[in-house]
Amino acid sequence: MAMQIFPAIDMRGGRCVRLFQGDYNKETVYNADPASQAVEWEKLGAPLIHLVDLDGAKEGHPVNCECIEKICKSVKIPCEIGGGIRTLEDAEKLFSLGVARVILGTAACENPDLAKAFIEKFGAEKVVIGIDARDGFVAVRGWLETSKVSALDLAEKMVSIGVKRIIFTDISTDGAFTGPSIGPTSLLCKKVPGCKIIASGGVSKAEDAGSLASLGFDNLEGVIVGKALYDGRTTYQALALAAEKAAAN
């Protein structure tokens, strides 16, 4: 199957926004109604929508719940959500709102046992680990801090406890339009061949999706794209087509 394109909806204050490299002071508002944006992505053929609760990431618990519920009720495709999920209760609340899977970031890095508890309670298909790297080390708390944990080491640790899917973001590429992080993404795919990897950050044109897809890793499931779509630098169809062509070659 060709690598899939997952559009992102980052929420802050109930609106669809983007931050530049995780900087809360560098925000661009793209849509005051994230649910209408979700419907648009579904119409264009997205198989899943990647949601981020930016307020949640900062506060340490889900914040944009009303918004999340409205999105889930507006579309038929699954939604995954990350940002501030620190407890089993947080996850239960989000599942009750209609999300298909939750993403653990900071919580997984700081407490691998919690990630294990999530998998035991909800199943591996409902739990995704988000590994956000800055210079090879895991960034936590909405990218406000960088830990001393290596991204590759954390990936191996997560797979050893039953994780089946990881979203990998190289912060230096996020929203910067410098192209995806080919080297680190390749390393990760090689390091954990039995785990599905979703790349995130850096895609600015259709060819970028093609570059990732042409790496040829069976476990590179998809790429999350946000700013490039919202800024009109490329289209959903162009990205999907580029990934399809690269996979065919």
Protein backbone atom coordinates (compact mmCIF):
# COMPACT_ATOMS: atom_id res chain seq x y z
CA MET A 1 0.00 0.00 0.00
CA ALA A 2 1.21 3.51 -0.80
CA MET A 3 2.29 5.69 2.08
CA GLN A 4 -0.75 7.62 3.31
CA ILE A 5 -1.22 11.35 3.80
CA PHE A 6 -2.72 12.43 7.12
CA PRO A 7 -3.79 16.10 7.34
CA ALA A 8 -3.25 17.77 10.71
CA ILE A 9 -5.62 19.97 12.67
CA ASP A 10 -3.83 21.74 15.51
CA MET A 11 -6.25 23.30 17.98
CA ARG A 12 -5.69 26.25 20.27
CA GLY A 13 -8.48 28.19 21.89
CA GLY A 14 -11.01 26.20 19.85
CA ARG A 15 -9.53 27.27 16.52
CA CYS A 16 -7.44 25.55 13.86
CA VAL A 17 -3.94 27.05 14.07
CA ARG A 18 -0.29 26.28 13.34
CA LEU A 19 2.71 27.12 15.46
CA PHE A 20 6.17 27.59 13.98
CA GLN A 21 8.46 24.87 15.41
CA GLY A 22 6.24 24.58 18.46
CA ASP A 23 6.61 28.24 19.45
CA TYR A 24 3.38 29.36 21.14
CA ASN A 25 4.26 32.97 20.30
CA LYS A 26 4.37 32.20 16.57
CA GLU A 27 0.80 31.24 15.82
CA THR A 28 -1.19 31.49 12.59
CA VAL A 29 -4.97 30.97 12.69
CA TYR A 30 -6.28 29.07 9.65
CA ASN A 31 -9.87 28.25 10.52
CA ALA A 32 -12.11 29.40 13.35
CA ASP A 33 -14.12 26.17 12.98
CA PRO A 34 -11.87 23.06 13.07
CA ALA A 35 -14.86 20.73 12.44
CA SER A 36 -15.55 22.31 9.04
CA GLN A 37 -11.86 21.88 8.24
CA ALA A 38 -12.08 18.19 9.16
CA VAL A 39 -15.06 17.74 6.82
CA GLU A 40 -13.01 19.33 4.03
CA TRP A 41 -10.12 16.90 4.54
CA GLU A 42 -12.53 13.96 4.55
CA LYS A 43 -14.04 15.11 1.24
CA LEU A 44 -10.57 15.23 -0.31
CA GLY A 45 -9.96 11.60 0.59
CA ALA A 46 -8.01 11.68 3.85
CA PRO A 47 -8.12 8.24 5.54
CA LEU A 48 -7.55 9.74 9.01
CA ILE A 49 -7.21 13.15 10.66
CA HIS A 50 -4.37 13.93 13.02
CA LEU A 51 -5.56 16.22 15.84
CA VAL A 52 -3.32 18.10 18.24
CA ASP A 53 -4.60 19.81 21.38
CA LEU A 54 -1.94 22.52 21.73
CA ASP A 55 -3.53 23.92 24.88
CA GLY A 56 -3.59 20.39 26.27
CA ALA A 57 0.11 19.86 25.53
CA LYS A 58 0.93 22.97 27.53
CA GLU A 59 -1.52 22.37 30.39
CA GLY A 60 -0.87 18.64 30.79
CA HIS A 61 -4.47 17.51 30.28
CA PRO A 62 -7.01 17.64 27.40
CA VAL A 63 -8.43 21.15 26.95
CA ASN A 64 -10.20 21.46 23.58
CA CYS A 65 -12.71 18.70 24.35
CA GLU A 66 -15.77 20.42 22.89
CA CYS A 67 -13.90 21.03 19.68
CA ILE A 68 -12.60 17.43 19.53
CA GLU A 69 -16.09 15.99 20.03
CA LYS A 70 -17.52 18.22 17.29
CA ILE A 71 -14.83 17.10 14.84
CA CYS A 72 -15.38 13.40 15.60
CA LYS A 73 -19.13 13.79 15.11
CA SER A 74 -18.65 15.71 11.84
CA VAL A 75 -16.62 13.06 9.99
CA LYS A 76 -16.86 9.33 9.36
CA ILE A 77 -13.11 8.75 9.13
CA PRO A 78 -11.09 8.06 12.31
CA CYS A 79 -9.34 10.81 14.24
CA GLU A 80 -6.26 10.45 16.41
CA ILE A 81 -5.44 12.98 19.11
CA GLY A 82 -2.30 14.09 20.90
CA GLY A 83 -1.53 16.81 23.41
CA GLY A 84 -1.64 16.65 27.19
CA ILE A 85 -2.70 13.02 27.56
CA ARG A 86 -1.07 11.95 30.80
CA THR A 87 -3.50 9.52 32.47
CA LEU A 88 -5.76 6.59 31.63
CA GLU A 89 -8.69 8.84 32.59
CA ASP A 90 -7.58 11.43 30.00
CA ALA A 91 -7.63 8.72 27.34
CA GLU A 92 -11.01 7.36 28.45
CA LYS A 93 -12.48 10.84 28.21
CA LEU A 94 -11.14 11.30 24.68
CA PHE A 95 -12.36 7.89 23.54
CA SER A 96 -15.81 8.83 24.87
CA LEU A 97 -15.69 11.92 22.62
CA GLY A 98 -15.22 9.67 19.60
CA VAL A 99 -11.47 9.59 18.89
CA ALA A 100 -10.10 6.35 17.42
CA ARG A 101 -6.65 6.46 19.00
CA VAL A 102 -4.66 8.56 21.45
CA ILE A 103 -1.07 9.72 21.18
CA LEU A 104 1.26 9.64 24.16
CA GLY A 105 4.30 11.91 24.04
CA THR A 106 5.70 13.35 27.25
CA ALA A 107 4.00 10.67 29.36
CA ALA A 108 5.67 7.84 27.41
CA CYS A 109 9.11 9.40 27.65
CA GLU A 110 8.92 10.13 31.36
CA ASN A 111 7.00 7.02 32.40
CA PRO A 112 7.29 4.00 30.04
CA ASP A 113 5.23 1.95 32.52
CA LEU A 114 2.29 4.26 31.85
CA ALA A 115 2.58 3.60 28.12
CA LYS A 116 2.50 -0.11 28.92
CA ALA A 117 -0.62 0.39 31.07
CA PHE A 118 -2.30 2.24 28.18
CA ILE A 119 -1.63 -0.66 25.81
CA GLU A 120 -2.83 -3.23 28.33
CA LYS A 121 -6.05 -1.30 28.94
CA PHE A 122 -6.94 -0.04 25.46
CA GLY A 123 -4.98 -2.31 23.08
CA ALA A 124 -1.99 -1.51 20.86
CA GLU A 125 -4.11 -0.26 17.95
CA LYS A 126 -5.64 2.52 20.07
CA VAL A 127 -2.35 3.87 21.45
CA VAL A 128 0.27 5.73 19.39
CA ILE A 129 3.58 6.99 20.75
CA GLY A 130 4.63 10.43 19.59
CA ILE A 131 8.40 10.87 19.55
CA ASP A 132 9.39 14.47 18.91
CA ALA A 133 13.14 14.91 18.53
CA ARG A 134 15.39 17.92 18.82
CA ASP A 135 18.97 17.11 17.75
CA GLY A 136 18.24 13.43 18.29
CA PHE A 137 16.84 13.82 21.81
CA VAL A 138 13.21 13.63 22.86
CA ALA A 139 11.44 16.96 23.43
CA VAL A 140 8.63 17.02 26.00
CA ARG A 141 5.88 19.28 27.41
CA GLY A 142 4.72 20.71 24.08
CA TRP A 143 8.36 20.94 22.94
CA LEU A 144 9.12 23.41 25.72
CA GLU A 145 11.82 21.13 27.20
CA THR A 146 14.36 18.68 25.78
CA SER A 147 15.08 15.48 27.70
CA LYS A 148 18.31 13.46 27.84
CA VAL A 149 16.55 10.48 26.24
CA SER A 150 17.64 9.49 22.72
CA ALA A 151 14.74 9.25 20.24
CA LEU A 152 16.00 5.92 18.88
CA ASP A 153 16.42 4.45 22.37
CA LEU A 154 12.91 5.50 23.32
CA ALA A 155 11.52 3.92 20.14
CA GLU A 156 13.19 0.59 20.96
CA LYS A 157 11.94 0.74 24.53
CA MET A 158 8.38 1.43 23.38
CA VAL A 159 8.39 -1.45 20.89
CA SER A 160 9.66 -3.77 23.63
CA ILE A 161 6.53 -3.03 25.68
CA GLY A 162 4.14 -3.69 22.80
CA VAL A 163 3.85 -0.39 20.91
CA LYS A 164 2.82 -0.92 17.27
CA ARG A 165 2.79 2.65 15.93
CA ILE A 166 5.07 5.69 16.39
CA ILE A 167 4.70 9.23 15.06
CA PHE A 168 8.14 10.74 14.57
CA THR A 169 8.69 14.48 14.33
CA ASP A 170 12.04 16.16 13.81
CA ILE A 171 11.31 19.56 15.36
CA SER A 172 13.92 21.37 13.26
CA THR A 173 11.87 20.63 10.13
CA ASP A 174 8.40 21.36 11.53
CA GLY A 175 6.70 24.17 9.63
CA ALA A 176 10.06 25.23 8.21
CA PHE A 177 9.48 24.00 4.62
CA THR A 178 13.01 22.58 4.48
CA GLY A 179 11.84 19.14 3.41
CA PRO A 180 11.17 16.07 5.56
CA SER A 181 13.78 14.60 7.87
CA ILE A 182 14.88 11.77 5.57
CA GLY A 183 17.97 10.58 7.48
CA PRO A 184 16.50 10.34 11.00
CA THR A 185 13.23 8.87 9.67
CA SER A 186 15.16 6.18 7.78
CA LEU A 187 17.19 5.35 10.89
CA LEU A 188 14.03 4.95 12.92
CA CYS A 189 12.35 2.73 10.32
CA LYS A 190 15.44 0.49 10.31
CA LYS A 191 15.70 0.45 14.11
CA VAL A 192 12.13 -0.79 14.70
CA PRO A 193 11.11 -2.72 11.55
CA GLY A 194 8.09 -4.32 13.22
CA CYS A 195 6.54 -0.99 14.21
CA LYS A 196 4.53 1.31 11.93
CA ILE A 197 6.14 4.74 11.58
CA ILE A 198 4.31 7.94 10.68
CA ALA A 199 6.61 10.81 9.68
CA SER A 200 5.78 14.39 10.57
CA GLY A 201 7.30 17.78 9.77
CA GLY A 202 9.01 19.47 6.86
CA VAL A 203 6.72 18.55 3.95
CA SER A 204 6.37 21.63 1.74
CA LYS A 205 5.63 20.17 -1.69
CA ALA A 206 4.30 17.00 -3.30
CA GLU A 207 7.82 15.80 -4.08
CA ASP A 208 8.55 15.64 -0.35
CA ALA A 209 5.87 12.98 0.06
CA GLY A 210 7.40 11.17 -2.90
CA SER A 211 10.87 11.32 -1.29
CA LEU A 212 9.57 9.68 1.87
CA ALA A 213 7.54 7.05 0.00
CA SER A 214 10.52 6.19 -2.22
CA LEU A 215 12.60 5.23 0.83
CA GLY A 216 10.79 1.94 0.41
CA PHE A 217 10.24 1.05 4.06
CA ASP A 218 7.22 -1.24 4.50
CA ASN A 219 6.71 0.14 8.00
CA LEU A 220 6.57 3.81 6.89
CA GLU A 221 2.79 4.03 7.07
CA GLY A 222 2.21 7.69 6.36
CA VAL A 223 3.16 11.33 6.75
CA ILE A 224 1.36 14.09 8.64
CA VAL A 225 1.05 17.36 6.74
CA GLY A 226 -0.21 20.65 8.12
CA LYS A 227 1.21 24.03 7.23
CA ALA A 228 2.02 23.23 3.59
CA LEU A 229 -1.65 22.41 2.99
CA TYR A 230 -2.97 25.42 4.89
CA ASP A 231 -0.60 27.81 3.13
CA GLY A 232 -1.59 26.40 -0.26
CA ARG A 233 1.95 25.26 -1.11
CA THR A 234 0.55 21.91 -2.22
CA THR A 235 -2.75 20.05 -2.26
CA TYR A 236 -3.94 16.86 -0.66
CA GLN A 237 -4.40 15.25 -4.09
CA ALA A 238 -0.86 16.18 -5.22
CA LEU A 239 0.67 14.70 -2.07
CA ALA A 240 -1.32 11.47 -2.34
CA LEU A 241 -0.45 11.11 -6.03
CA ALA A 242 3.27 11.67 -5.40
CA ALA A 243 3.30 9.02 -2.67
CA GLU A 244 1.42 6.60 -4.94
CA LYS A 245 3.82 7.12 -7.86
CA ALA A 246 6.88 6.68 -5.64
CA ALA A 247 5.46 3.46 -4.19
CA ALA A 248 4.78 2.13 -7.71
CA ASN A 249 8.43 2.67 -8.64
